[in-house]
Each structure stands twice: as structure tokens, then as C-alpha cells.
C-alpha atoms as a PDB file:
ATOM      1  CA  MET A   1    -131.853  86.324  -7.389  1.00  0.00           C
ATOM      2  CA  ARG A   2    -129.106  87.530  -5.014  1.00  0.00           C
ATOM      3  CA  ARG A   3    -131.627  87.836  -2.221  1.00  0.00           C
ATOM      4  CA  ASN A   4    -132.672  84.159  -2.631  1.00  0.00           C
ATOM      5  CA  THR A   5    -129.043  83.008  -2.737  1.00  0.00           C
ATOM      6  CA  ALA A   6    -128.208  84.921   0.443  1.00  0.00           C
ATOM      7  CA  PHE A   7    -131.305  83.518   2.148  1.00  0.00           C
ATOM      8  CA  TYR A   8    -130.436  79.925   1.204  1.00  0.00           C
ATOM      9  CA  PHE A   9    -126.832  80.441   2.297  1.00  0.00           C
ATOM     10  CA  ILE A  10    -127.964  81.712   5.716  1.00  0.00           C
ATOM     11  CA  VAL A  11    -130.376  78.784   6.101  1.00  0.00           C
ATOM     12  CA  LEU A  12    -127.644  76.301   5.147  1.00  0.00           C
ATOM     13  CA  VAL A  13    -125.149  77.793   7.609  1.00  0.00           C
ATOM     14  CA  THR A  14    -127.792  77.800  10.359  1.00  0.00           C
ATOM     15  CA  ILE A  15    -128.591  74.124   9.737  1.00  0.00           C
ATOM     16  CA  VAL A  16    -124.907  73.166   9.794  1.00  0.00           C
ATOM     17  CA  VAL A  17    -124.359  75.040  13.068  1.00  0.00           C
ATOM     18  CA  LEU A  18    -127.453  73.499  14.680  1.00  0.00           C
ATOM     19  CA  VAL A  19    -126.464  69.979  13.657  1.00  0.00           C
ATOM     20  CA  ALA A  20    -122.892  70.475  14.874  1.00  0.00           C
ATOM     21  CA  CYS A  21    -124.018  71.902  18.220  1.00  0.00           C
ATOM     22  CA  SER A  22    -126.740  69.340  18.837  1.00  0.00           C
ATOM     23  CA  ASN A  23    -124.316  66.453  19.247  1.00  0.00           C
ATOM     24  CA  THR A  24    -124.702  65.911  22.998  1.00  0.00           C
ATOM     25  CA  SER A  25    -122.588  62.797  23.096  1.00  0.00           C
ATOM     26  CA  SER A  26    -119.175  63.216  24.654  1.00  0.00           C
ATOM     27  CA  THR A  27    -117.932  59.928  23.290  1.00  0.00           C
ATOM     28  CA  ALA A  28    -114.173  60.118  23.418  1.00  0.00           C
ATOM     29  CA  ASN A  29    -113.768  57.721  20.515  1.00  0.00           C
ATOM     30  CA  SER A  30    -116.459  56.118  18.381  1.00  0.00           C
ATOM     31  CA  GLU A  31    -114.266  53.312  17.057  1.00  0.00           C
ATOM     32  CA  TYR A  32    -114.390  49.718  18.268  1.00  0.00           C
ATOM     33  CA  TYR A  33    -111.138  48.056  19.391  1.00  0.00           C
ATOM     34  CA  ALA A  34    -109.969  44.475  19.787  1.00  0.00           C
ATOM     35  CA  SER A  35    -109.637  44.674  23.584  1.00  0.00           C
ATOM     36  CA  GLU A  36    -110.987  46.609  26.545  1.00  0.00           C
ATOM     37  CA  ASP A  37    -107.493  47.908  27.321  1.00  0.00           C
ATOM     38  CA  GLU A  38    -107.080  49.240  23.776  1.00  0.00           C
ATOM     39  CA  ALA A  39    -110.489  50.981  23.943  1.00  0.00           C
ATOM     40  CA  ILE A  40    -109.584  52.587  27.284  1.00  0.00           C
ATOM     41  CA  GLU A  41    -106.166  53.650  26.014  1.00  0.00           C
ATOM     42  CA  ASN A  42    -107.721  55.316  22.962  1.00  0.00           C
ATOM     43  CA  GLY A  43    -110.582  56.841  24.981  1.00  0.00           C
ATOM     44  CA  LEU A  44    -108.419  58.578  27.572  1.00  0.00           C
ATOM     45  CA  THR A  45    -106.120  61.536  26.983  1.00  0.00           C
ATOM     46  CA  GLU A  46    -102.585  62.122  28.246  1.00  0.00           C
ATOM     47  CA  LYS A  47    -104.097  64.298  31.018  1.00  0.00           C
ATOM     48  CA  ASP A  48    -106.209  61.403  32.358  1.00  0.00           C
ATOM     49  CA  THR A  49    -105.304  59.032  35.180  1.00  0.00           C
ATOM     50  CA  ILE A  50    -107.350  55.845  35.344  1.00  0.00           C
ATOM     51  CA  LEU A  51    -108.780  55.265  38.820  1.00  0.00           C
ATOM     52  CA  SER A  52    -110.532  51.935  38.250  1.00  0.00           C
ATOM     53  CA  VAL A  53    -112.644  49.745  36.003  1.00  0.00           C
ATOM     54  CA  GLU A  54    -115.751  48.478  37.810  1.00  0.00           C
ATOM     55  CA  LYS A  55    -118.165  45.767  36.688  1.00  0.00           C
ATOM     56  CA  HIS A  56    -121.817  46.562  37.449  1.00  0.00           C
ATOM     57  CA  GLN A  57    -125.078  45.292  35.878  1.00  0.00           C
ATOM     58  CA  ASN A  58    -123.258  43.582  32.985  1.00  0.00           C
ATOM     59  CA  SER A  59    -121.392  46.821  32.204  1.00  0.00           C
ATOM     60  CA  ASN A  60    -117.784  47.882  32.636  1.00  0.00           C
ATOM     61  CA  LEU A  61    -117.502  51.392  34.022  1.00  0.00           C
ATOM     62  CA  VAL A  62    -114.250  53.322  33.717  1.00  0.00           C
ATOM     63  CA  PHE A  63    -113.514  56.008  36.308  1.00  0.00           C
ATOM     64  CA  PHE A  64    -110.683  58.440  35.670  1.00  0.00           C
ATOM     65  CA  GLU A  65    -109.298  61.703  36.961  1.00  0.00           C
ATOM     66  CA  ARG A  66    -108.409  64.720  34.828  1.00  0.00           C
ATOM     67  CA  GLU A  67    -106.994  67.810  36.544  1.00  0.00           C
ATOM     68  CA  GLU A  68    -108.780  67.000  39.848  1.00  0.00           C
ATOM     69  CA  ASN A  69    -112.106  66.361  38.050  1.00  0.00           C
ATOM     70  CA  LEU A  70    -113.838  62.994  37.902  1.00  0.00           C
ATOM     71  CA  GLY A  71    -114.661  61.389  34.577  1.00  0.00           C
ATOM     72  CA  ALA A  72    -116.723  58.276  33.963  1.00  0.00           C
ATOM     73  CA  ALA A  73    -117.258  56.172  30.852  1.00  0.00           C
ATOM     74  CA  ILE A  74    -118.805  52.865  29.852  1.00  0.00           C
ATOM     75  CA  LEU A  75    -117.071  50.194  27.814  1.00  0.00           C
ATOM     76  CA  THR A  76    -119.531  48.772  25.323  1.00  0.00           C
ATOM     77  CA  GLU A  77    -119.024  45.466  23.538  1.00  0.00           C
ATOM     78  CA  LYS A  78    -120.203  44.500  20.070  1.00  0.00           C
ATOM     79  CA  SER A  79    -119.153  41.335  18.262  1.00  0.00           C
ATOM     80  CA  GLY A  80    -116.124  40.877  20.519  1.00  0.00           C
ATOM     81  CA  LYS A  81    -114.893  44.455  20.040  1.00  0.00           C
ATOM     82  CA  TYR A  82    -114.977  47.313  22.551  1.00  0.00           C
ATOM     83  CA  LYS A  83    -115.771  51.018  22.497  1.00  0.00           C
ATOM     84  CA  PHE A  84    -115.120  53.693  25.153  1.00  0.00           C
ATOM     85  CA  VAL A  85    -118.262  55.833  25.574  1.00  0.00           C
ATOM     86  CA  ARG A  86    -118.367  58.928  27.778  1.00  0.00           C
ATOM     87  CA  GLU A  87    -121.780  60.601  27.828  1.00  0.00           C
ATOM     88  CA  ASN A  88    -121.337  62.662  31.009  1.00  0.00           C
ATOM     89  CA  PRO A  89    -119.165  65.748  31.449  1.00  0.00           C
ATOM     90  CA  LEU A  90    -116.204  65.818  33.798  1.00  0.00           C
ATOM     91  CA  PHE A  91    -117.327  66.547  37.350  1.00  0.00           C
ATOM     92  CA  GLY A  92    -115.512  69.302  39.220  1.00  0.00           C
ATOM     93  CA  PHE A  93    -115.875  70.110  42.874  1.00  0.00           C
ATOM     94  CA  GLU A  94    -115.803  73.359  44.806  1.00  0.00           C
ATOM     95  CA  GLY A  95    -114.204  73.637  48.232  1.00  0.00           C
ATOM     96  CA  GLY A  96    -115.882  74.217  51.541  1.00  0.00           C
ATOM     97  CA  GLY A  97    -116.320  71.745  54.347  1.00  0.00           C
ATOM     98  CA  ASP A  98    -114.671  68.362  54.553  1.00  0.00           C
ATOM     99  CA  TYR A  99    -115.844  67.186  51.133  1.00  0.00           C
ATOM    100  CA  SER A 100    -118.105  68.070  48.210  1.00  0.00           C
ATOM    101  CA  THR A 101    -120.709  65.682  46.753  1.00  0.00           C
ATOM    102  CA  ILE A 102    -122.287  65.027  43.358  1.00  0.00           C
ATOM    103  CA  VAL A 103    -124.702  62.251  42.394  1.00  0.00           C
ATOM    104  CA  PHE A 104    -125.082  61.592  38.670  1.00  0.00           C
ATOM    105  CA  VAL A 105    -126.704  58.975  36.445  1.00  0.00           C
ATOM    106  CA  MET A 106    -124.931  56.875  33.826  1.00  0.00           C
ATOM    107  CA  LYS A 107    -126.895  55.075  31.113  1.00  0.00           C
ATOM    108  CA  THR A 108    -125.820  51.959  29.282  1.00  0.00           C
ATOM    109  CA  GLU A 109    -126.522  51.441  25.583  1.00  0.00           C
ATOM    110  CA  LYS A 110    -129.466  49.267  26.667  1.00  0.00           C
ATOM    111  CA  GLY A 111    -130.925  52.173  28.641  1.00  0.00           C
ATOM    112  CA  GLU A 112    -130.120  50.808  32.109  1.00  0.00           C
ATOM    113  CA  GLU A 113    -129.426  53.587  34.592  1.00  0.00           C
ATOM    114  CA  MET A 114    -126.889  53.602  37.411  1.00  0.00           C
ATOM    115  CA  GLU A 115    -126.606  56.297  40.068  1.00  0.00           C
ATOM    116  CA  ILE A 116    -123.053  57.205  40.988  1.00  0.00           C
ATOM    117  CA  LEU A 117    -122.188  58.977  44.232  1.00  0.00           C
ATOM    118  CA  THR A 118    -118.955  60.929  43.939  1.00  0.00           C
ATOM    119  CA  ARG A 119    -117.108  63.262  46.246  1.00  0.00           C
ATOM    120  CA  ARG A 120    -113.844  65.060  46.618  1.00  0.00           C
ATOM    121  CA  VAL A 121    -112.116  65.287  49.989  1.00  0.00           C
ATOM    122  CA  PHE A 122    -110.845  68.760  50.885  1.00  0.00           C
ATOM    123  CA  ASN A 123    -110.041  68.310  54.570  1.00  0.00           C
ATOM    124  CA  MET A 124    -106.647  66.631  54.944  1.00  0.00           C
ATOM    125  CA  SER A 125    -107.628  65.226  58.358  1.00  0.00           C
ATOM    126  CA  VAL A 126    -110.253  62.948  56.761  1.00  0.00           C
ATOM    127  CA  LYS A 127    -108.647  59.502  56.624  1.00  0.00           C
ATOM    128  CA  LYS A 128    -111.561  57.319  55.451  1.00  0.00           C
ATOM    129  CA  ILE A 129    -114.983  57.571  53.864  1.00  0.00           C
ATOM    130  CA  VAL A 130    -117.440  54.872  54.865  1.00  0.00           C
ATOM    131  CA  LEU A 131    -120.996  54.223  53.679  1.00  0.00           C
ATOM    132  CA  GLU A 132    -123.525  52.678  56.031  1.00  0.00           C
ATOM    133  CA  ASP A 133    -126.708  50.821  55.093  1.00  0.00           C
ATOM    134  CA  GLU A 134    -129.454  52.623  57.010  1.00  0.00           C
ATOM    135  CA  GLU A 135    -131.374  49.400  57.695  1.00  0.00           C
ATOM    136  CA  THR A 136    -128.706  46.795  58.474  1.00  0.00           C
ATOM    137  CA  LYS A 137    -126.034  49.256  59.693  1.00  0.00           C
ATOM    138  CA  GLU A 138    -123.536  47.339  57.525  1.00  0.00           C
ATOM    139  CA  ARG A 139    -120.567  49.548  56.657  1.00  0.00           C
ATOM    140  CA  VAL A 140    -118.531  49.674  53.453  1.00  0.00           C
ATOM    141  CA  GLU A 141    -115.257  51.577  53.249  1.00  0.00           C
ATOM    142  CA  ILE A 142    -115.107  53.237  49.838  1.00  0.00           C
ATOM    143  CA  TRP A 143    -112.037  55.474  50.220  1.00  0.00           C
ATOM    144  CA  ASN A 144    -109.018  55.837  52.434  1.00  0.00           C
ATOM    145  CA  ARG A 145    -106.088  58.206  52.209  1.00  0.00           C
ATOM    146  CA  ILE A 146    -103.414  55.531  52.720  1.00  0.00           C
ATOM    147  CA  SER A 147    -104.281  53.412  49.664  1.00  0.00           C
ATOM    148  CA  ASN A 148    -105.491  56.211  47.392  1.00  0.00           C
ATOM    149  CA  ASP A 149    -103.472  59.053  45.864  1.00  0.00           C
ATOM    150  CA  SER A 150    -106.616  60.699  44.484  1.00  0.00           C
ATOM    151  CA  LYS A 151    -108.812  62.984  46.590  1.00  0.00           C
ATOM    152  CA  LEU A 152    -111.800  61.784  44.541  1.00  0.00           C
ATOM    153  CA  PHE A 153    -113.992  58.860  45.431  1.00  0.00           C
ATOM    154  CA  TYR A 154    -117.109  57.317  43.924  1.00  0.00           C
ATOM    155  CA  TYR A 155    -119.560  54.542  44.605  1.00  0.00           C
ATOM    156  CA  ILE A 156    -122.197  52.881  42.424  1.00  0.00           C
ATOM    157  CA  LEU A 157    -125.386  53.208  44.446  1.00  0.00           C
ATOM    158  CA  GLY A 158    -127.660  50.206  44.677  1.00  0.00           C
ATOM    159  CA  GLU A 159    -131.256  49.991  45.729  1.00  0.00           C
ATOM    160  CA  LYS A 160    -130.565  50.263  49.466  1.00  0.00           C
ATOM    161  CA  PRO A 161    -130.562  53.654  51.196  1.00  0.00           C
ATOM    162  CA  LEU A 162    -127.009  54.494  52.257  1.00  0.00           C
ATOM    163  CA  ARG A 163    -125.608  57.372  54.211  1.00  0.00           C
ATOM    164  CA  VAL A 164    -122.061  58.634  54.271  1.00  0.00           C
ATOM    165  CA  ILE A 165    -120.015  58.568  57.429  1.00  0.00           C
ATOM    166  CA  SER A 166    -116.786  60.549  57.334  1.00  0.00           C
ATOM    167  CA  ILE A 167    -114.290  59.077  59.760  1.00  0.00           C
ATOM    168  CA  LYS A 168    -111.433  61.294  60.911  1.00  0.00           C
ATOM    169  CA  GLU A 169    -108.404  59.744  62.566  1.00  0.00           C
END
């Protein structure tokens, strides 16, 4: 009898551990709030600095910085209430060169995917980061040192091929 009890106890503990560890969602807060601002406030920690809220493909994306790492979340809406959902980890960057790059994918609750280009500037002589459309040669400034205290920058990639041009002044 003791052997069966020990076996069932071990199985139960194993199941509990597996269920607890299998939660891959990094949702900061699963509650819905009356406003977007309230959801953001409850989703961020005291270590977080909000960088921006961007509208893209009927979604509101929240970008924030925590200890020189980039965080990203989606604000979801249901029946006029909002929830802060962060499925991706914080993105850290290692030094070397003028900047370091990461491209990651964010998914909305509807399954839509968005590619996000993000970088951190290490070289203090870099004054601007500009993207250029490879076909039209149209340029978009996405970061400059004068108007941005953060060394992190990010851009929601569209369907056009873009390349990064680092402008030093």
C-alpha cells in the first residue's frame, strides 16, 4: 500500500510541476481594465519606462525599456475593456560594433503576425538611424539621439524590403 501511495504522490507532483512550467505566456496581468492607460499601468513594473504605444494592423503595441532591455506587449480589447499581454521575453543586446540587432515576431490574439526590428546603439557617435526602402529609396528616420533618451530603437516591418543606414554626424 505504501508503495502505491508513494507512486501516486510522485505522479501528482510531476503533473503539478509540468503544468506550472508549461505556461509559456508571459502575460504581465490577465485582468481586463476600463482603459488602455490603466491596463498599461498595471502591466508594467516600477522598473519599466514606456517608450511608445504604436497602432498597427488594428492592434496597439506597447514598447518599453527595462534595465536597457526592450519589452513589447499588445493591448487587447474585449467588450470595451483592455488587457496588457506580453508573450515575448525582454530582449537584451550584447556590445560590439555600432549597434546590435534583433528581429522578433509578435502575434495578436487573432493570430496576425508582425515582425519587429529592434536594435541598441552602442557607438556614441551614431546620431541617427534611418531605414531605406530598397526599391523606392524612400528613407524613414526611426531614431535620433537628440529626441530620444533611450539607446533602444524599434520599427514594425511592413511588406517592403528595408535596409538600415546608420548615419554618423
